Amino acid sequence: DYSPAYRYGVDSYSRHQGRSFDDVEPDLSRDWGTARGKSSLEWDRAKHATRDAWQRLSDNVERAVPGDSDRDGR
């Protein structure tokens, strides 16, 4: 059930690079019905895994690129 949510976070981060999760969360919520595949998770549960995947990618980019590349203040 959670695998599609994590994959959605990775794919979404790539499509929305440079924006914060909170900025795009309404769009992600709207499109979850299509992205979820066979996952039984509703967005209110899937968004936590999606955010986790997004944040992990963001942290990796932050370590690889000098400065505040994801503009999160860290």
N, C-alpha and C. Protein backbone atom coordinates (compact mmCIF):
# COMPACT_ATOMS: atom_id res chain seq x y z
N ASP A 1 0.81 -1.21 0.00
CA ASP A 1 0.00 0.00 0.00
C ASP A 1 0.85 1.27 0.00
N TYR A 2 1.98 1.23 0.68
CA TYR A 2 2.78 2.44 0.81
C TYR A 2 3.75 2.67 -0.35
N SER A 3 4.09 1.63 -1.07
CA SER A 3 5.04 1.75 -2.16
C SER A 3 4.61 2.81 -3.20
N PRO A 4 3.37 2.81 -3.65
CA PRO A 4 2.98 3.86 -4.60
C PRO A 4 3.11 5.27 -4.02
N ALA A 5 2.88 5.42 -2.73
CA ALA A 5 2.99 6.74 -2.10
C ALA A 5 4.44 7.20 -2.09
N TYR A 6 5.36 6.30 -1.77
CA TYR A 6 6.79 6.67 -1.79
C TYR A 6 7.23 6.98 -3.22
N ARG A 7 6.81 6.17 -4.17
CA ARG A 7 7.16 6.41 -5.57
C ARG A 7 6.59 7.75 -6.03
N TYR A 8 5.39 8.06 -5.61
CA TYR A 8 4.75 9.33 -5.95
C TYR A 8 5.57 10.50 -5.41
N GLY A 9 6.11 10.35 -4.21
CA GLY A 9 6.95 11.40 -3.64
C GLY A 9 8.21 11.63 -4.46
N VAL A 10 8.84 10.54 -4.89
CA VAL A 10 10.06 10.64 -5.71
C VAL A 10 9.72 11.29 -7.05
N ASP A 11 8.71 10.79 -7.71
CA ASP A 11 8.33 11.33 -9.03
C ASP A 11 7.90 12.79 -8.93
N SER A 12 7.15 13.10 -7.90
CA SER A 12 6.65 14.46 -7.74
C SER A 12 7.76 15.44 -7.43
N TYR A 13 8.72 15.02 -6.63
CA TYR A 13 9.86 15.89 -6.32
C TYR A 13 10.59 16.26 -7.61
N SER A 14 10.78 15.30 -8.47
CA SER A 14 11.47 15.55 -9.74
C SER A 14 10.68 16.53 -10.62
N ARG A 15 9.37 16.39 -10.63
CA ARG A 15 8.54 17.27 -11.46
C ARG A 15 8.42 18.69 -10.88
N HIS A 16 8.52 18.81 -9.58
CA HIS A 16 8.30 20.10 -8.91
C HIS A 16 9.56 20.60 -8.21
N GLN A 17 10.71 20.21 -8.71
CA GLN A 17 11.97 20.58 -8.07
C GLN A 17 12.06 22.09 -7.90
N GLY A 18 12.54 22.49 -6.73
CA GLY A 18 12.65 23.90 -6.41
C GLY A 18 11.46 24.44 -5.64
N ARG A 19 10.41 23.64 -5.53
CA ARG A 19 9.23 24.05 -4.76
C ARG A 19 9.15 23.19 -3.50
N SER A 20 8.46 23.69 -2.51
CA SER A 20 8.32 22.93 -1.27
C SER A 20 7.15 21.96 -1.37
N PHE A 21 7.20 20.91 -0.56
CA PHE A 21 6.10 19.95 -0.52
C PHE A 21 4.79 20.66 -0.18
N ASP A 22 4.85 21.54 0.81
CA ASP A 22 3.63 22.24 1.23
C ASP A 22 3.02 23.07 0.10
N ASP A 23 3.87 23.62 -0.78
CA ASP A 23 3.37 24.40 -1.90
C ASP A 23 2.61 23.54 -2.90
N VAL A 24 3.08 22.32 -3.12
CA VAL A 24 2.46 21.48 -4.16
C VAL A 24 1.50 20.44 -3.59
N GLU A 25 1.39 20.36 -2.29
CA GLU A 25 0.53 19.33 -1.66
C GLU A 25 -0.91 19.35 -2.17
N PRO A 26 -1.51 20.53 -2.39
CA PRO A 26 -2.88 20.49 -2.94
C PRO A 26 -2.95 19.80 -4.31
N ASP A 27 -1.95 20.03 -5.15
CA ASP A 27 -1.91 19.37 -6.46
C ASP A 27 -1.69 17.87 -6.31
N LEU A 28 -0.79 17.51 -5.40
CA LEU A 28 -0.51 16.09 -5.17
C LEU A 28 -1.75 15.38 -4.65
N SER A 29 -2.45 16.03 -3.75
CA SER A 29 -3.69 15.47 -3.20
C SER A 29 -4.69 15.21 -4.31
N ARG A 30 -4.86 16.18 -5.19
CA ARG A 30 -5.82 16.07 -6.28
C ARG A 30 -5.47 14.91 -7.21
N ASP A 31 -4.16 14.71 -7.47
CA ASP A 31 -3.72 13.71 -8.44
C ASP A 31 -3.45 12.33 -7.84
N TRP A 32 -3.58 12.19 -6.53
CA TRP A 32 -3.30 10.92 -5.88
C TRP A 32 -4.20 9.80 -6.41
N GLY A 33 -5.42 10.10 -6.70
CA GLY A 33 -6.35 9.09 -7.20
C GLY A 33 -5.84 8.38 -8.44
N THR A 34 -5.13 9.09 -9.27
CA THR A 34 -4.54 8.51 -10.48
C THR A 34 -3.22 7.81 -10.17
N ALA A 35 -2.40 8.44 -9.33
CA ALA A 35 -1.06 7.92 -9.04
C ALA A 35 -1.07 6.70 -8.14
N ARG A 36 -2.11 6.50 -7.39
CA ARG A 36 -2.13 5.48 -6.34
C ARG A 36 -2.11 4.05 -6.86
N GLY A 37 -2.50 3.85 -8.09
CA GLY A 37 -2.55 2.49 -8.61
C GLY A 37 -3.49 1.64 -7.79
N LYS A 38 -2.99 0.53 -7.24
CA LYS A 38 -3.83 -0.39 -6.46
C LYS A 38 -3.73 -0.15 -4.95
N SER A 39 -3.05 0.92 -4.54
CA SER A 39 -2.94 1.24 -3.13
C SER A 39 -4.32 1.55 -2.55
N SER A 40 -4.56 1.04 -1.37
CA SER A 40 -5.85 1.31 -0.71
C SER A 40 -5.79 2.58 0.15
N LEU A 41 -4.62 3.22 0.20
CA LEU A 41 -4.47 4.40 1.06
C LEU A 41 -5.18 5.61 0.48
N GLU A 42 -5.91 6.29 1.33
CA GLU A 42 -6.46 7.59 0.97
C GLU A 42 -5.35 8.61 1.17
N TRP A 43 -5.50 9.79 0.58
CA TRP A 43 -4.44 10.79 0.62
C TRP A 43 -4.04 11.17 2.04
N ASP A 44 -4.98 11.22 2.97
CA ASP A 44 -4.64 11.63 4.34
C ASP A 44 -3.61 10.69 4.99
N ARG A 45 -3.51 9.46 4.52
CA ARG A 45 -2.48 8.53 5.01
C ARG A 45 -1.30 8.47 4.07
N ALA A 46 -1.55 8.52 2.78
CA ALA A 46 -0.48 8.41 1.78
C ALA A 46 0.43 9.63 1.78
N LYS A 47 -0.09 10.79 2.14
CA LYS A 47 0.72 12.01 2.06
C LYS A 47 1.94 11.96 2.98
N HIS A 48 1.85 11.21 4.08
CA HIS A 48 3.00 11.13 4.99
C HIS A 48 4.17 10.38 4.34
N ALA A 49 3.88 9.29 3.64
CA ALA A 49 4.92 8.55 2.93
C ALA A 49 5.43 9.37 1.74
N THR A 50 4.53 10.06 1.07
CA THR A 50 4.93 10.89 -0.06
C THR A 50 5.85 12.01 0.41
N ARG A 51 5.49 12.65 1.53
CA ARG A 51 6.32 13.72 2.09
C ARG A 51 7.68 13.16 2.53
N ASP A 52 7.70 11.97 3.11
CA ASP A 52 8.95 11.36 3.55
C ASP A 52 9.89 11.15 2.37
N ALA A 53 9.38 10.59 1.28
CA ALA A 53 10.20 10.37 0.09
C ALA A 53 10.69 11.71 -0.46
N TRP A 54 9.81 12.69 -0.52
CA TRP A 54 10.15 14.03 -1.01
C TRP A 54 11.29 14.60 -0.16
N GLN A 55 11.14 14.52 1.16
CA GLN A 55 12.13 15.11 2.06
C GLN A 55 13.48 14.39 1.97
N ARG A 56 13.45 13.08 1.81
CA ARG A 56 14.71 12.33 1.67
C ARG A 56 15.45 12.78 0.41
N LEU A 57 14.75 12.94 -0.69
CA LEU A 57 15.38 13.44 -1.91
C LEU A 57 15.90 14.86 -1.71
N SER A 58 15.09 15.68 -1.11
CA SER A 58 15.48 17.05 -0.86
C SER A 58 16.75 17.11 0.00
N ASP A 59 16.82 16.29 1.02
CA ASP A 59 18.01 16.25 1.88
C ASP A 59 19.24 15.79 1.11
N ASN A 60 19.07 14.80 0.22
CA ASN A 60 20.19 14.32 -0.59
C ASN A 60 20.69 15.41 -1.53
N VAL A 61 19.77 16.13 -2.14
CA VAL A 61 20.15 17.22 -3.03
C VAL A 61 20.86 18.30 -2.23
N GLU A 62 20.35 18.59 -1.07
CA GLU A 62 20.94 19.62 -0.21
C GLU A 62 22.39 19.28 0.14
N ARG A 63 22.66 18.01 0.41
CA ARG A 63 24.02 17.61 0.74
C ARG A 63 24.93 17.67 -0.49
N ALA A 64 24.37 17.43 -1.66
CA ALA A 64 25.17 17.37 -2.88
C ALA A 64 25.42 18.75 -3.49
N VAL A 65 24.51 19.68 -3.23
CA VAL A 65 24.60 21.01 -3.84
C VAL A 65 24.86 22.03 -2.73
N PRO A 66 25.92 22.82 -2.87
CA PRO A 66 26.20 23.82 -1.83
C PRO A 66 25.07 24.84 -1.70
N GLY A 67 24.87 25.32 -0.50
CA GLY A 67 23.86 26.33 -0.26
C GLY A 67 22.51 25.72 0.07
N ASP A 68 21.51 26.54 0.07
CA ASP A 68 20.15 26.13 0.40
C ASP A 68 19.38 25.85 -0.88
N SER A 69 19.75 24.78 -1.57
CA SER A 69 19.19 24.48 -2.89
C SER A 69 17.69 24.23 -2.88
N ASP A 70 17.17 23.73 -1.77
CA ASP A 70 15.72 23.47 -1.72
C ASP A 70 14.97 24.58 -1.00
N ARG A 71 15.69 25.61 -0.62
CA ARG A 71 15.11 26.81 -0.01
C ARG A 71 14.28 26.53 1.24
N ASP A 72 14.75 25.56 2.04
CA ASP A 72 14.01 25.27 3.27
C ASP A 72 14.67 25.90 4.50
N GLY A 73 15.69 26.70 4.27
CA GLY A 73 16.35 27.40 5.38
C GLY A 73 17.40 26.58 6.11
N ARG A 74 17.65 25.34 5.63
CA ARG A 74 18.66 24.49 6.29
C ARG A 74 19.86 24.33 5.39
